[in-house]
C-alpha atoms as a PDB file:
ATOM      1  CA  MET A   1       0.000   0.000   0.000  1.00  0.00           C
ATOM      2  CA  ARG A   2       1.095   3.545  -0.704  1.00  0.00           C
ATOM      3  CA  ALA A   3       1.437   5.839   2.286  1.00  0.00           C
ATOM      4  CA  ILE A   4      -0.429   9.089   1.782  1.00  0.00           C
ATOM      5  CA  ASP A   5       1.376  12.068   3.383  1.00  0.00           C
ATOM      6  CA  ALA A   6      -1.627  13.999   4.627  1.00  0.00           C
ATOM      7  CA  LYS A   7      -3.210  15.047   7.898  1.00  0.00           C
ATOM      8  CA  LEU A   8      -6.646  13.768   8.727  1.00  0.00           C
ATOM      9  CA  PRO A   9      -9.263  16.305   9.894  1.00  0.00           C
ATOM     10  CA  GLY A  10      -8.838  17.045  13.578  1.00  0.00           C
ATOM     11  CA  GLU A  11      -5.371  15.483  13.751  1.00  0.00           C
ATOM     12  CA  PRO A  12      -2.941  17.765  15.633  1.00  0.00           C
ATOM     13  CA  VAL A  13      -0.215  19.557  13.699  1.00  0.00           C
ATOM     14  CA  THR A  14       3.250  19.260  15.177  1.00  0.00           C
ATOM     15  CA  ALA A  15       5.843  22.013  15.271  1.00  0.00           C
ATOM     16  CA  ASP A  16       8.242  19.974  13.157  1.00  0.00           C
ATOM     17  CA  ASP A  17       5.733  19.729  10.338  1.00  0.00           C
ATOM     18  CA  PRO A  18       7.081  22.043   7.577  1.00  0.00           C
ATOM     19  CA  ALA A  19       3.556  22.914   6.470  1.00  0.00           C
ATOM     20  CA  ALA A  20       2.737  24.226   9.938  1.00  0.00           C
ATOM     21  CA  VAL A  21       5.536  26.785  10.133  1.00  0.00           C
ATOM     22  CA  PRO A  22       5.109  29.971   8.027  1.00  0.00           C
ATOM     23  CA  THR A  23       8.210  30.716   5.985  1.00  0.00           C
ATOM     24  CA  ASP A  24       9.702  34.024   4.938  1.00  0.00           C
ATOM     25  CA  GLY A  25       8.410  33.239   1.483  1.00  0.00           C
ATOM     26  CA  HIS A  26       4.856  32.903   2.747  1.00  0.00           C
ATOM     27  CA  ALA A  27       5.090  36.187   4.638  1.00  0.00           C
ATOM     28  CA  LEU A  28       6.606  37.984   1.663  1.00  0.00           C
ATOM     29  CA  ASP A  29       3.950  36.607  -0.637  1.00  0.00           C
ATOM     30  CA  ALA A  30       1.175  37.841   1.683  1.00  0.00           C
ATOM     31  CA  TYR A  31       2.881  41.244   1.907  1.00  0.00           C
ATOM     32  CA  SER A  32       3.120  41.423  -1.878  1.00  0.00           C
ATOM     33  CA  ARG A  33      -0.547  40.542  -2.295  1.00  0.00           C
ATOM     34  CA  VAL A  34      -1.582  43.388  -0.010  1.00  0.00           C
ATOM     35  CA  VAL A  35       0.611  45.935  -1.792  1.00  0.00           C
ATOM     36  CA  THR A  36      -0.410  44.846  -5.296  1.00  0.00           C
ATOM     37  CA  THR A  37      -4.103  44.859  -4.332  1.00  0.00           C
ATOM     38  CA  VAL A  38      -3.821  48.394  -2.923  1.00  0.00           C
ATOM     39  CA  ALA A  39      -1.925  49.537  -6.027  1.00  0.00           C
ATOM     40  CA  GLU A  40      -4.526  48.105  -8.395  1.00  0.00           C
ATOM     41  CA  ARG A  41      -7.284  49.753  -6.404  1.00  0.00           C
ATOM     42  CA  LEU A  42      -5.759  53.206  -5.979  1.00  0.00           C
ATOM     43  CA  ILE A  43      -3.587  53.942  -9.021  1.00  0.00           C
ATOM     44  CA  PRO A  44      -6.674  54.736 -11.203  1.00  0.00           C
ATOM     45  CA  SER A  45      -7.743  57.290  -8.566  1.00  0.00           C
ATOM     46  CA  VAL A  46      -4.432  59.173  -8.331  1.00  0.00           C
ATOM     47  CA  ALA A  47      -3.687  61.936 -10.838  1.00  0.00           C
ATOM     48  CA  SER A  48      -0.440  63.531 -11.895  1.00  0.00           C
ATOM     49  CA  LEU A  49      -0.672  67.310 -11.576  1.00  0.00           C
ATOM     50  CA  ARG A  50       1.089  69.849 -13.708  1.00  0.00           C
ATOM     51  CA  VAL A  51       0.963  73.222 -11.983  1.00  0.00           C
ATOM     52  CA  SER A  52       1.430  76.487 -13.874  1.00  0.00           C
ATOM     53  CA  ARG A  53       2.744  79.467 -11.956  1.00  0.00           C
ATOM     54  CA  ARG A  54       3.350  82.977 -13.229  1.00  0.00           C
ATOM     55  CA  VAL A  55       6.752  84.423 -12.441  1.00  0.00           C
ATOM     56  CA  ARG A  56       8.411  87.749 -13.144  1.00  0.00           C
ATOM     57  CA  GLY A  57       8.558  88.721 -16.757  1.00  0.00           C
ATOM     58  CA  GLY A  58       5.298  86.950 -17.567  1.00  0.00           C
ATOM     59  CA  MET A  59       6.963  83.567 -17.973  1.00  0.00           C
ATOM     60  CA  ARG A  60       5.375  80.415 -16.635  1.00  0.00           C
ATOM     61  CA  ALA A  61       7.050  78.006 -14.271  1.00  0.00           C
ATOM     62  CA  GLU A  62       5.918  74.396 -14.111  1.00  0.00           C
ATOM     63  CA  GLY A  63       5.514  72.470 -10.867  1.00  0.00           C
ATOM     64  CA  ALA A  64       4.344  68.940 -10.260  1.00  0.00           C
ATOM     65  CA  GLY A  65       2.562  66.843  -7.671  1.00  0.00           C
ATOM     66  CA  SER A  66      -0.185  64.293  -7.227  1.00  0.00           C
ATOM     67  CA  ALA A  67      -3.866  64.387  -6.282  1.00  0.00           C
ATOM     68  CA  VAL A  68      -6.501  61.863  -5.210  1.00  0.00           C
ATOM     69  CA  VAL A  69     -10.003  61.640  -6.682  1.00  0.00           C
ATOM     70  CA  VAL A  70     -12.656  61.919  -3.956  1.00  0.00           C
ATOM     71  CA  THR A  71     -15.840  62.169  -6.081  1.00  0.00           C
ATOM     72  CA  PRO A  72     -16.746  60.812  -9.530  1.00  0.00           C
ATOM     73  CA  ASP A  73     -17.715  64.314 -10.717  1.00  0.00           C
ATOM     74  CA  GLY A  74     -14.219  65.752 -10.580  1.00  0.00           C
ATOM     75  CA  PHE A  75     -13.233  66.788  -7.046  1.00  0.00           C
ATOM     76  CA  LEU A  76      -9.629  65.899  -6.187  1.00  0.00           C
ATOM     77  CA  LEU A  77      -7.752  66.238  -2.895  1.00  0.00           C
ATOM     78  CA  THR A  78      -4.119  67.344  -2.811  1.00  0.00           C
ATOM     79  CA  SER A  79      -1.623  69.293  -0.700  1.00  0.00           C
ATOM     80  CA  ALA A  80      -2.026  73.062  -0.432  1.00  0.00           C
ATOM     81  CA  HIS A  81       1.685  73.624  -1.065  1.00  0.00           C
ATOM     82  CA  VAL A  82       1.436  71.733  -4.370  1.00  0.00           C
ATOM     83  CA  VAL A  83      -1.020  74.236  -5.853  1.00  0.00           C
ATOM     84  CA  GLN A  84       0.070  77.317  -3.886  1.00  0.00           C
ATOM     85  CA  GLY A  85       0.520  80.234  -6.262  1.00  0.00           C
ATOM     86  CA  GLY A  86      -0.702  78.124  -9.156  1.00  0.00           C
ATOM     87  CA  SER A  87      -3.002  79.540 -11.804  1.00  0.00           C
ATOM     88  CA  GLY A  88      -4.221  76.116 -12.910  1.00  0.00           C
ATOM     89  CA  GLY A  89      -2.753  73.269 -14.868  1.00  0.00           C
ATOM     90  CA  SER A  90      -3.502  69.764 -16.028  1.00  0.00           C
ATOM     91  CA  ALA A  91      -4.328  66.472 -14.322  1.00  0.00           C
ATOM     92  CA  SER A  92      -3.491  63.233 -16.107  1.00  0.00           C
ATOM     93  CA  PHE A  93      -4.554  59.705 -15.230  1.00  0.00           C
ATOM     94  CA  VAL A  94      -3.095  56.297 -15.969  1.00  0.00           C
ATOM     95  CA  ASP A  95      -5.884  55.559 -18.483  1.00  0.00           C
ATOM     96  CA  GLY A  96      -4.459  58.311 -20.692  1.00  0.00           C
ATOM     97  CA  ARG A  97      -7.086  60.960 -19.985  1.00  0.00           C
ATOM     98  CA  GLU A  98      -5.990  64.505 -19.209  1.00  0.00           C
ATOM     99  CA  PHE A  99      -8.077  67.375 -17.862  1.00  0.00           C
ATOM    100  CA  ASP A 100      -7.522  71.018 -17.014  1.00  0.00           C
ATOM    101  CA  TRP A 101      -8.036  71.741 -13.324  1.00  0.00           C
ATOM    102  CA  GLN A 102      -8.924  74.763 -11.233  1.00  0.00           C
ATOM    103  CA  VAL A 103      -8.508  75.383  -7.505  1.00  0.00           C
ATOM    104  CA  VAL A 104     -11.761  75.105  -5.540  1.00  0.00           C
ATOM    105  CA  GLY A 105     -10.270  75.918  -2.142  1.00  0.00           C
ATOM    106  CA  THR A 106      -7.025  75.761  -0.185  1.00  0.00           C
ATOM    107  CA  ASP A 107      -6.245  75.640   3.517  1.00  0.00           C
ATOM    108  CA  PRO A 108      -2.513  76.214   4.030  1.00  0.00           C
ATOM    109  CA  LEU A 109      -2.899  75.762   7.795  1.00  0.00           C
ATOM    110  CA  SER A 110      -3.756  72.077   7.241  1.00  0.00           C
ATOM    111  CA  ASP A 111      -1.771  71.795   3.974  1.00  0.00           C
ATOM    112  CA  LEU A 112      -4.892  70.560   2.184  1.00  0.00           C
ATOM    113  CA  ALA A 113      -6.474  71.753  -1.043  1.00  0.00           C
ATOM    114  CA  VAL A 114      -9.351  70.707  -3.272  1.00  0.00           C
ATOM    115  CA  ILE A 115      -9.210  71.108  -7.043  1.00  0.00           C
ATOM    116  CA  ARG A 116     -11.737  70.193  -9.722  1.00  0.00           C
ATOM    117  CA  VAL A 117     -11.686  68.879 -13.250  1.00  0.00           C
ATOM    118  CA  THR A 118     -14.571  68.654 -15.707  1.00  0.00           C
ATOM    119  CA  ALA A 119     -15.428  64.969 -15.610  1.00  0.00           C
ATOM    120  CA  SER A 120     -18.297  62.772 -14.469  1.00  0.00           C
ATOM    121  CA  ASP A 121     -16.903  59.249 -14.437  1.00  0.00           C
ATOM    122  CA  LEU A 122     -13.722  59.326 -12.384  1.00  0.00           C
ATOM    123  CA  THR A 123     -12.857  56.519  -9.979  1.00  0.00           C
ATOM    124  CA  PRO A 124     -12.992  57.910  -6.420  1.00  0.00           C
ATOM    125  CA  ALA A 125     -10.802  56.562  -3.655  1.00  0.00           C
ATOM    126  CA  GLU A 126     -12.379  55.489  -0.388  1.00  0.00           C
ATOM    127  CA  LEU A 127     -11.392  57.644   2.577  1.00  0.00           C
ATOM    128  CA  GLY A 128     -10.397  55.823   5.754  1.00  0.00           C
ATOM    129  CA  ASP A 129      -9.725  56.907   9.332  1.00  0.00           C
ATOM    130  CA  ALA A 130      -6.143  57.628  10.355  1.00  0.00           C
ATOM    131  CA  ASP A 131      -7.142  57.648  14.016  1.00  0.00           C
ATOM    132  CA  GLN A 132      -7.334  53.845  13.810  1.00  0.00           C
ATOM    133  CA  LEU A 133      -3.718  53.439  12.645  1.00  0.00           C
ATOM    134  CA  ARG A 134      -1.197  51.742  14.912  1.00  0.00           C
ATOM    135  CA  VAL A 135       2.579  51.943  14.938  1.00  0.00           C
ATOM    136  CA  GLY A 136       3.969  49.093  12.863  1.00  0.00           C
ATOM    137  CA  GLN A 137       0.914  48.858  10.597  1.00  0.00           C
ATOM    138  CA  LEU A 138       1.493  48.398   6.866  1.00  0.00           C
ATOM    139  CA  VAL A 139       0.850  51.493   4.719  1.00  0.00           C
ATOM    140  CA  VAL A 140       1.268  52.118   1.011  1.00  0.00           C
ATOM    141  CA  ALA A 141       2.152  55.478  -0.583  1.00  0.00           C
ATOM    142  CA  VAL A 142       0.667  55.941  -4.056  1.00  0.00           C
ATOM    143  CA  GLY A 143       1.566  58.887  -6.263  1.00  0.00           C
ATOM    144  CA  ASN A 144       1.662  59.825  -9.904  1.00  0.00           C
ATOM    145  CA  PRO A 145       4.697  62.085 -10.249  1.00  0.00           C
ATOM    146  CA  MET A 146       5.925  63.672 -13.433  1.00  0.00           C
ATOM    147  CA  GLY A 147       3.234  61.993 -15.513  1.00  0.00           C
ATOM    148  CA  PHE A 148       4.572  58.485 -14.943  1.00  0.00           C
ATOM    149  CA  THR A 149       2.213  55.531 -14.746  1.00  0.00           C
ATOM    150  CA  GLY A 150       1.884  55.676 -10.985  1.00  0.00           C
ATOM    151  CA  THR A 151       4.441  54.912  -8.299  1.00  0.00           C
ATOM    152  CA  VAL A 152       3.941  52.710  -5.272  1.00  0.00           C
ATOM    153  CA  THR A 153       6.112  52.394  -2.174  1.00  0.00           C
ATOM    154  CA  ALA A 154       5.281  50.437   0.959  1.00  0.00           C
ATOM    155  CA  GLY A 155       6.387  50.627   4.563  1.00  0.00           C
ATOM    156  CA  VAL A 156       5.018  50.828   8.060  1.00  0.00           C
ATOM    157  CA  VAL A 157       3.664  53.531  10.332  1.00  0.00           C
ATOM    158  CA  SER A 158       6.753  54.485  12.303  1.00  0.00           C
ATOM    159  CA  ALA A 159       5.060  57.105  14.504  1.00  0.00           C
ATOM    160  CA  VAL A 160       1.656  58.685  15.038  1.00  0.00           C
ATOM    161  CA  GLY A 161       0.587  61.820  16.845  1.00  0.00           C
ATOM    162  CA  ARG A 162       3.311  64.005  15.400  1.00  0.00           C
ATOM    163  CA  GLY A 163       2.792  67.723  14.843  1.00  0.00           C
ATOM    164  CA  LEU A 164       3.509  69.557  11.589  1.00  0.00           C
ATOM    165  CA  PRO A 165       3.956  73.359  11.835  1.00  0.00           C
ATOM    166  CA  THR A 166       2.189  75.303   9.074  1.00  0.00           C
ATOM    167  CA  ARG A 167       1.917  78.987   8.266  1.00  0.00           C
ATOM    168  CA  ALA A 168      -0.377  81.211   6.232  1.00  0.00           C
ATOM    169  CA  GLY A 169       0.785  84.819   6.301  1.00  0.00           C
ATOM    170  CA  SER A 170       1.114  85.784   9.961  1.00  0.00           C
ATOM    171  CA  ALA A 171      -1.073  82.879  11.144  1.00  0.00           C
ATOM    172  CA  THR A 172       0.552  79.668  12.362  1.00  0.00           C
ATOM    173  CA  ARG A 173      -0.902  76.332  13.340  1.00  0.00           C
ATOM    174  CA  ILE A 174       0.153  72.802  14.242  1.00  0.00           C
ATOM    175  CA  VAL A 175      -1.410  70.050  12.122  1.00  0.00           C
ATOM    176  CA  GLU A 176      -2.182  67.330  14.655  1.00  0.00           C
ATOM    177  CA  ASN A 177      -1.751  63.552  14.504  1.00  0.00           C
ATOM    178  CA  VAL A 178       0.475  63.645  11.443  1.00  0.00           C
ATOM    179  CA  ILE A 179       1.504  60.167  10.261  1.00  0.00           C
ATOM    180  CA  GLN A 180       5.188  59.319  10.023  1.00  0.00           C
ATOM    181  CA  THR A 181       6.074  56.427   7.738  1.00  0.00           C
ATOM    182  CA  ASP A 182       9.138  54.819   6.228  1.00  0.00           C
ATOM    183  CA  ALA A 183       7.328  54.352   2.899  1.00  0.00           C
ATOM    184  CA  ALA A 184       9.571  56.386   0.590  1.00  0.00           C
ATOM    185  CA  LEU A 185       8.074  59.551  -0.919  1.00  0.00           C
ATOM    186  CA  ASN A 186       9.372  60.139  -4.416  1.00  0.00           C
ATOM    187  CA  PRO A 187       9.657  63.630  -5.954  1.00  0.00           C
ATOM    188  CA  GLY A 188       6.214  64.667  -7.145  1.00  0.00           C
ATOM    189  CA  ASN A 189       4.406  62.389  -4.688  1.00  0.00           C
ATOM    190  CA  SER A 190       3.186  65.296  -2.536  1.00  0.00           C
ATOM    191  CA  GLY A 191      -0.593  65.341  -2.598  1.00  0.00           C
ATOM    192  CA  GLY A 192      -0.770  61.619  -3.284  1.00  0.00           C
ATOM    193  CA  ALA A 193      -2.431  58.947  -1.188  1.00  0.00           C
ATOM    194  CA  LEU A 194      -1.199  57.123   1.870  1.00  0.00           C
ATOM    195  CA  SER A 195      -3.318  53.992   2.130  1.00  0.00           C
ATOM    196  CA  ASP A 196      -3.890  51.316   4.711  1.00  0.00           C
ATOM    197  CA  GLY A 197      -3.812  47.642   3.777  1.00  0.00           C
ATOM    198  CA  ARG A 198      -7.457  47.718   2.686  1.00  0.00           C
ATOM    199  CA  GLY A 199      -6.863  50.412   0.087  1.00  0.00           C
ATOM    200  CA  CYS A 200      -8.517  53.198   2.085  1.00  0.00           C
ATOM    201  CA  VAL A 201      -6.817  56.612   2.012  1.00  0.00           C
ATOM    202  CA  VAL A 202      -5.699  57.450   5.545  1.00  0.00           C
ATOM    203  CA  GLY A 203      -3.346  60.315   4.719  1.00  0.00           C
ATOM    204  CA  VAL A 204      -2.216  62.847   2.130  1.00  0.00           C
ATOM    205  CA  ASN A 205       1.534  62.686   1.557  1.00  0.00           C
ATOM    206  CA  THR A 206       3.006  66.060   2.348  1.00  0.00           C
ATOM    207  CA  ALA A 207       6.709  66.092   3.230  1.00  0.00           C
ATOM    208  CA  VAL A 208       9.943  64.185   3.582  1.00  0.00           C
ATOM    209  CA  ALA A 209      10.953  64.247   7.257  1.00  0.00           C
ATOM    210  CA  GLY A 210      14.443  62.864   6.776  1.00  0.00           C
ATOM    211  CA  ILE A 211      16.265  60.032   5.119  1.00  0.00           C
ATOM    212  CA  GLY A 212      13.750  57.237   4.690  1.00  0.00           C
ATOM    213  CA  LEU A 213      10.938  59.035   6.517  1.00  0.00           C
ATOM    214  CA  GLY A 214       7.852  60.726   5.143  1.00  0.00           C
ATOM    215  CA  LEU A 215       4.935  62.634   6.673  1.00  0.00           C
ATOM    216  CA  ALA A 216       1.281  62.552   5.728  1.00  0.00           C
ATOM    217  CA  VAL A 217      -1.601  64.768   6.845  1.00  0.00           C
ATOM    218  CA  PRO A 218      -4.118  62.378   8.428  1.00  0.00           C
ATOM    219  CA  VAL A 219      -7.567  61.752   7.008  1.00  0.00           C
ATOM    220  CA  ASN A 220      -9.856  61.707  10.036  1.00  0.00           C
ATOM    221  CA  ALA A 221     -12.964  63.446  11.338  1.00  0.00           C
ATOM    222  CA  THR A 222     -11.168  66.803  11.593  1.00  0.00           C
ATOM    223  CA  THR A 223      -9.737  66.765   8.084  1.00  0.00           C
ATOM    224  CA  ARG A 224     -13.013  65.478   6.631  1.00  0.00           C
ATOM    225  CA  ARG A 225     -14.647  68.665   7.930  1.00  0.00           C
ATOM    226  CA  ILE A 226     -11.916  70.714   6.258  1.00  0.00           C
ATOM    227  CA  ILE A 227     -12.298  68.837   2.961  1.00  0.00           C
ATOM    228  CA  SER A 228     -16.086  69.260   3.042  1.00  0.00           C
ATOM    229  CA  ALA A 229     -15.778  73.013   3.712  1.00  0.00           C
ATOM    230  CA  LEU A 230     -13.248  73.455   0.899  1.00  0.00           C
ATOM    231  CA  MET A 231     -15.567  71.654  -1.526  1.00  0.00           C
ATOM    232  CA  SER A 232     -18.659  73.663  -0.562  1.00  0.00           C
ATOM    233  CA  GLU A 233     -17.280  77.067   0.459  1.00  0.00           C
ATOM    234  CA  GLY A 234     -13.747  77.183  -0.911  1.00  0.00           C
ATOM    235  CA  ARG A 235     -12.238  77.851   2.528  1.00  0.00           C
ATOM    236  CA  PHE A 236     -12.185  76.605   6.098  1.00  0.00           C
ATOM    237  CA  ARG A 237     -13.022  79.094   8.839  1.00  0.00           C
ATOM    238  CA  ARG A 238     -11.230  79.143  12.193  1.00  0.00           C
ATOM    239  CA  ALA A 239     -11.776  81.225  15.302  1.00  0.00           C
ATOM    240  CA  TYR A 240      -9.064  83.501  16.664  1.00  0.00           C
ATOM    241  CA  LEU A 241      -8.371  84.570  20.250  1.00  0.00           C
ATOM    242  CA  GLY A 242      -5.011  86.296  19.831  1.00  0.00           C
ATOM    243  CA  ILE A 243      -2.832  84.526  22.355  1.00  0.00           C
ATOM    244  CA  ALA A 244       0.331  82.446  22.345  1.00  0.00           C
ATOM    245  CA  GLY A 245       1.006  79.924  25.048  1.00  0.00           C
ATOM    246  CA  GLY A 246       2.049  76.456  26.045  1.00  0.00           C
ATOM    247  CA  PRO A 247       1.358  73.750  28.613  1.00  0.00           C
ATOM    248  CA  ARG A 248       2.303  74.295  32.238  1.00  0.00           C
ATOM    249  CA  PRO A 249       1.759  72.176  35.376  1.00  0.00           C
ATOM    250  CA  LEU A 250      -0.976  73.494  37.639  1.00  0.00           C
ATOM    251  CA  PRO A 251      -0.316  74.344  41.292  1.00  0.00           C
ATOM    252  CA  PRO A 252      -1.197  71.317  43.468  1.00  0.00           C
ATOM    253  CA  ARG A 253      -4.261  72.958  45.013  1.00  0.00           C
ATOM    254  CA  VAL A 254      -5.680  73.899  41.610  1.00  0.00           C
ATOM    255  CA  ALA A 255      -4.826  70.480  40.178  1.00  0.00           C
ATOM    256  CA  ARG A 256      -6.841  68.813  42.956  1.00  0.00           C
ATOM    257  CA  GLU A 257      -9.750  71.179  42.449  1.00  0.00           C
ATOM    258  CA  VAL A 258     -10.032  70.744  38.650  1.00  0.00           C
ATOM    259  CA  GLY A 259      -8.915  67.114  38.547  1.00  0.00           C
ATOM    260  CA  ARG A 260      -5.967  67.362  36.157  1.00  0.00           C
ATOM    261  CA  GLU A 261      -2.310  68.279  36.187  1.00  0.00           C
ATOM    262  CA  ALA A 262      -1.812  70.900  33.436  1.00  0.00           C
ATOM    263  CA  GLY A 263      -3.290  73.963  31.786  1.00  0.00           C
ATOM    264  CA  VAL A 264      -2.160  76.405  29.103  1.00  0.00           C
ATOM    265  CA  GLU A 265      -0.122  79.382  30.244  1.00  0.00           C
ATOM    266  CA  ILE A 266      -0.535  82.546  28.201  1.00  0.00           C
ATOM    267  CA  VAL A 267       2.872  83.950  27.279  1.00  0.00           C
ATOM    268  CA  GLU A 268       1.701  86.646  24.845  1.00  0.00           C
ATOM    269  CA  VAL A 269      -1.513  88.511  24.125  1.00  0.00           C
ATOM    270  CA  VAL A 270      -1.832  90.246  20.756  1.00  0.00           C
ATOM    271  CA  THR A 271      -2.743  93.918  21.154  1.00  0.00           C
ATOM    272  CA  GLY A 272      -6.309  94.635  20.064  1.00  0.00           C
ATOM    273  CA  SER A 273      -7.208  90.941  19.817  1.00  0.00           C
ATOM    274  CA  PRO A 274     -10.353  89.406  21.374  1.00  0.00           C
ATOM    275  CA  ALA A 275      -8.210  88.082  24.231  1.00  0.00           C
ATOM    276  CA  ASP A 276      -6.767  91.547  24.834  1.00  0.00           C
ATOM    277  CA  GLN A 277     -10.210  93.153  24.787  1.00  0.00           C
ATOM    278  CA  ALA A 278     -11.494  90.556  27.266  1.00  0.00           C
ATOM    279  CA  GLY A 279      -8.660  91.291  29.694  1.00  0.00           C
ATOM    280  CA  LEU A 280      -6.636  88.094  29.370  1.00  0.00           C
ATOM    281  CA  ARG A 281      -3.025  88.583  30.467  1.00  0.00           C
ATOM    282  CA  PRO A 282       0.362  86.895  30.154  1.00  0.00           C
ATOM    283  CA  GLU A 283       0.871  84.330  32.951  1.00  0.00           C
ATOM    284  CA  ASP A 284      -2.848  83.509  33.091  1.00  0.00           C
ATOM    285  CA  LEU A 285      -3.331  79.719  33.180  1.00  0.00           C
ATOM    286  CA  ILE A 286      -6.262  78.632  30.995  1.00  0.00           C
ATOM    287  CA  LEU A 287      -8.144  75.655  32.480  1.00  0.00           C
ATOM    288  CA  ASP A 288     -11.060  75.196  30.100  1.00  0.00           C
ATOM    289  CA  VAL A 289     -13.136  76.905  27.421  1.00  0.00           C
ATOM    290  CA  ASP A 290     -16.918  76.550  27.643  1.00  0.00           C
ATOM    291  CA  GLY A 291     -16.391  73.588  29.940  1.00  0.00           C
ATOM    292  CA  GLN A 292     -14.011  71.811  27.533  1.00  0.00           C
ATOM    293  CA  THR A 293     -10.720  70.825  29.150  1.00  0.00           C
ATOM    294  CA  VAL A 294      -7.617  72.671  27.923  1.00  0.00           C
ATOM    295  CA  SER A 295      -4.338  70.968  28.850  1.00  0.00           C
ATOM    296  CA  SER A 296      -2.271  71.858  25.791  1.00  0.00           C
ATOM    297  CA  ALA A 297      -2.100  74.382  22.978  1.00  0.00           C
ATOM    298  CA  ARG A 298      -3.507  71.684  20.696  1.00  0.00           C
ATOM    299  CA  ASP A 299      -6.616  71.409  22.896  1.00  0.00           C
ATOM    300  CA  LEU A 300      -7.140  75.148  22.592  1.00  0.00           C
ATOM    301  CA  GLN A 301      -6.520  75.081  18.852  1.00  0.00           C
ATOM    302  CA  ARG A 302      -9.062  72.273  18.422  1.00  0.00           C
ATOM    303  CA  LEU A 303     -11.741  74.317  20.188  1.00  0.00           C
ATOM    304  CA  MET A 304     -11.271  77.316  17.894  1.00  0.00           C
ATOM    305  CA  ALA A 305     -13.590  75.940  15.221  1.00  0.00           C
ATOM    306  CA  GLY A 306     -15.666  78.001  12.817  1.00  0.00           C
ATOM    307  CA  GLU A 307     -18.843  77.752  14.881  1.00  0.00           C
ATOM    308  CA  THR A 308     -17.076  79.613  17.718  1.00  0.00           C
ATOM    309  CA  ILE A 309     -16.628  82.758  15.594  1.00  0.00           C
ATOM    310  CA  GLY A 310     -18.636  85.691  16.970  1.00  0.00           C
ATOM    311  CA  ARG A 311     -20.038  83.661  19.861  1.00  0.00           C
ATOM    312  CA  ASP A 312     -19.443  84.481  23.507  1.00  0.00           C
ATOM    313  CA  VAL A 313     -17.369  81.745  25.145  1.00  0.00           C
ATOM    314  CA  THR A 314     -16.371  81.405  28.774  1.00  0.00           C
ATOM    315  CA  VAL A 315     -12.685  80.947  29.540  1.00  0.00           C
ATOM    316  CA  ARG A 316     -11.941  79.624  33.007  1.00  0.00           C
ATOM    317  CA  LEU A 317      -8.453  80.477  34.185  1.00  0.00           C
ATOM    318  CA  PHE A 318      -6.160  80.647  37.204  1.00  0.00           C
ATOM    319  CA  ARG A 319      -4.721  84.065  38.082  1.00  0.00           C
ATOM    320  CA  ASP A 320      -3.111  85.442  41.249  1.00  0.00           C
ATOM    321  CA  GLY A 321      -4.206  82.508  43.386  1.00  0.00           C
ATOM    322  CA  ARG A 322      -7.825  82.536  42.207  1.00  0.00           C
ATOM    323  CA  ILE A 323      -9.908  80.732  39.579  1.00  0.00           C
ATOM    324  CA  LEU A 324     -11.772  83.216  37.387  1.00  0.00           C
ATOM    325  CA  SER A 325     -14.231  83.036  34.500  1.00  0.00           C
ATOM    326  CA  VAL A 326     -13.797  85.504  31.636  1.00  0.00           C
ATOM    327  CA  GLY A 327     -16.057  86.016  28.630  1.00  0.00           C
ATOM    328  CA  VAL A 328     -14.368  86.247  25.218  1.00  0.00           C
ATOM    329  CA  LYS A 329     -15.823  86.621  21.724  1.00  0.00           C
ATOM    330  CA  PRO A 330     -13.453  85.077  19.115  1.00  0.00           C
ATOM    331  CA  VAL A 331     -13.279  86.536  15.623  1.00  0.00           C
ATOM    332  CA  GLU A 332     -12.420  84.826  12.362  1.00  0.00           C
ATOM    333  CA  LEU A 333      -8.760  84.026  11.819  1.00  0.00           C
ATOM    334  CA  ARG A 334      -7.397  85.904   8.814  1.00  0.00           C
ATOM    335  CA  SER A 335      -4.153  84.867   7.180  1.00  0.00           C
END
């Protein structure tokens, strides 16, 4: 009789069975399947941008970047710095189609922009949620630089929760929860997609942070609001108090009373600003705004949303040994 080398159902698998131990080849093959699946799904949704800019003498300078389709009827998401100063340009896709594009809205303080082409049958990418990413998770960067047929690099999330300083005129802001990855960003990949293993866009590639490291603006609830506002209004409104500050430990008595360890110390108040008019001073320690805890400058920044503009808010603070409540009416932040 011939012996059949097979395991019967329910028979235990031993550690010395070669079929029971995953090999490097198996792992690599699974990795490759994920990357190729993401590439096949996203490359049709990523455009190569040519950006025309006017320079002195009336000449035109050409820039390049990438953009991600978010609706079938022609809305694309990209980085604000890619289209900054641009007067328009062209967007080309891997199927050979090319369209002229125009800027719908930009938000330099989040480094996001929305452009539009005249089309009705584009392939939109699915937006994911970067807040669900974990360090070590596989991510894939997809771009379409310089009109090539799409470039794909893969890596892992090497850090989350990073901050990216941005500026628009005299206004500055920290983009929160920026994704750091070792997926290489090629020239012209800015504005392209950073995808999770399911092919959902979790970030917009924005910068090279160092050798072998790239940064991406996260796609999450906050950035979805920005994208929606850019599509409908062409801008994203933020409230402005007119202070600069940073975190500071609270005195023990105050910490016990409010139930936390830190607040935001005001180090500068802009003359004539809403904070100045309300009587806020340097060395005041902000505890909360309208009952929302403020333990860092990012907390305060997050609370300065568009719906706060022109509305009276109550700032609770610690000053000269006492806890006070001060009314402030933020205005719209102008760059």
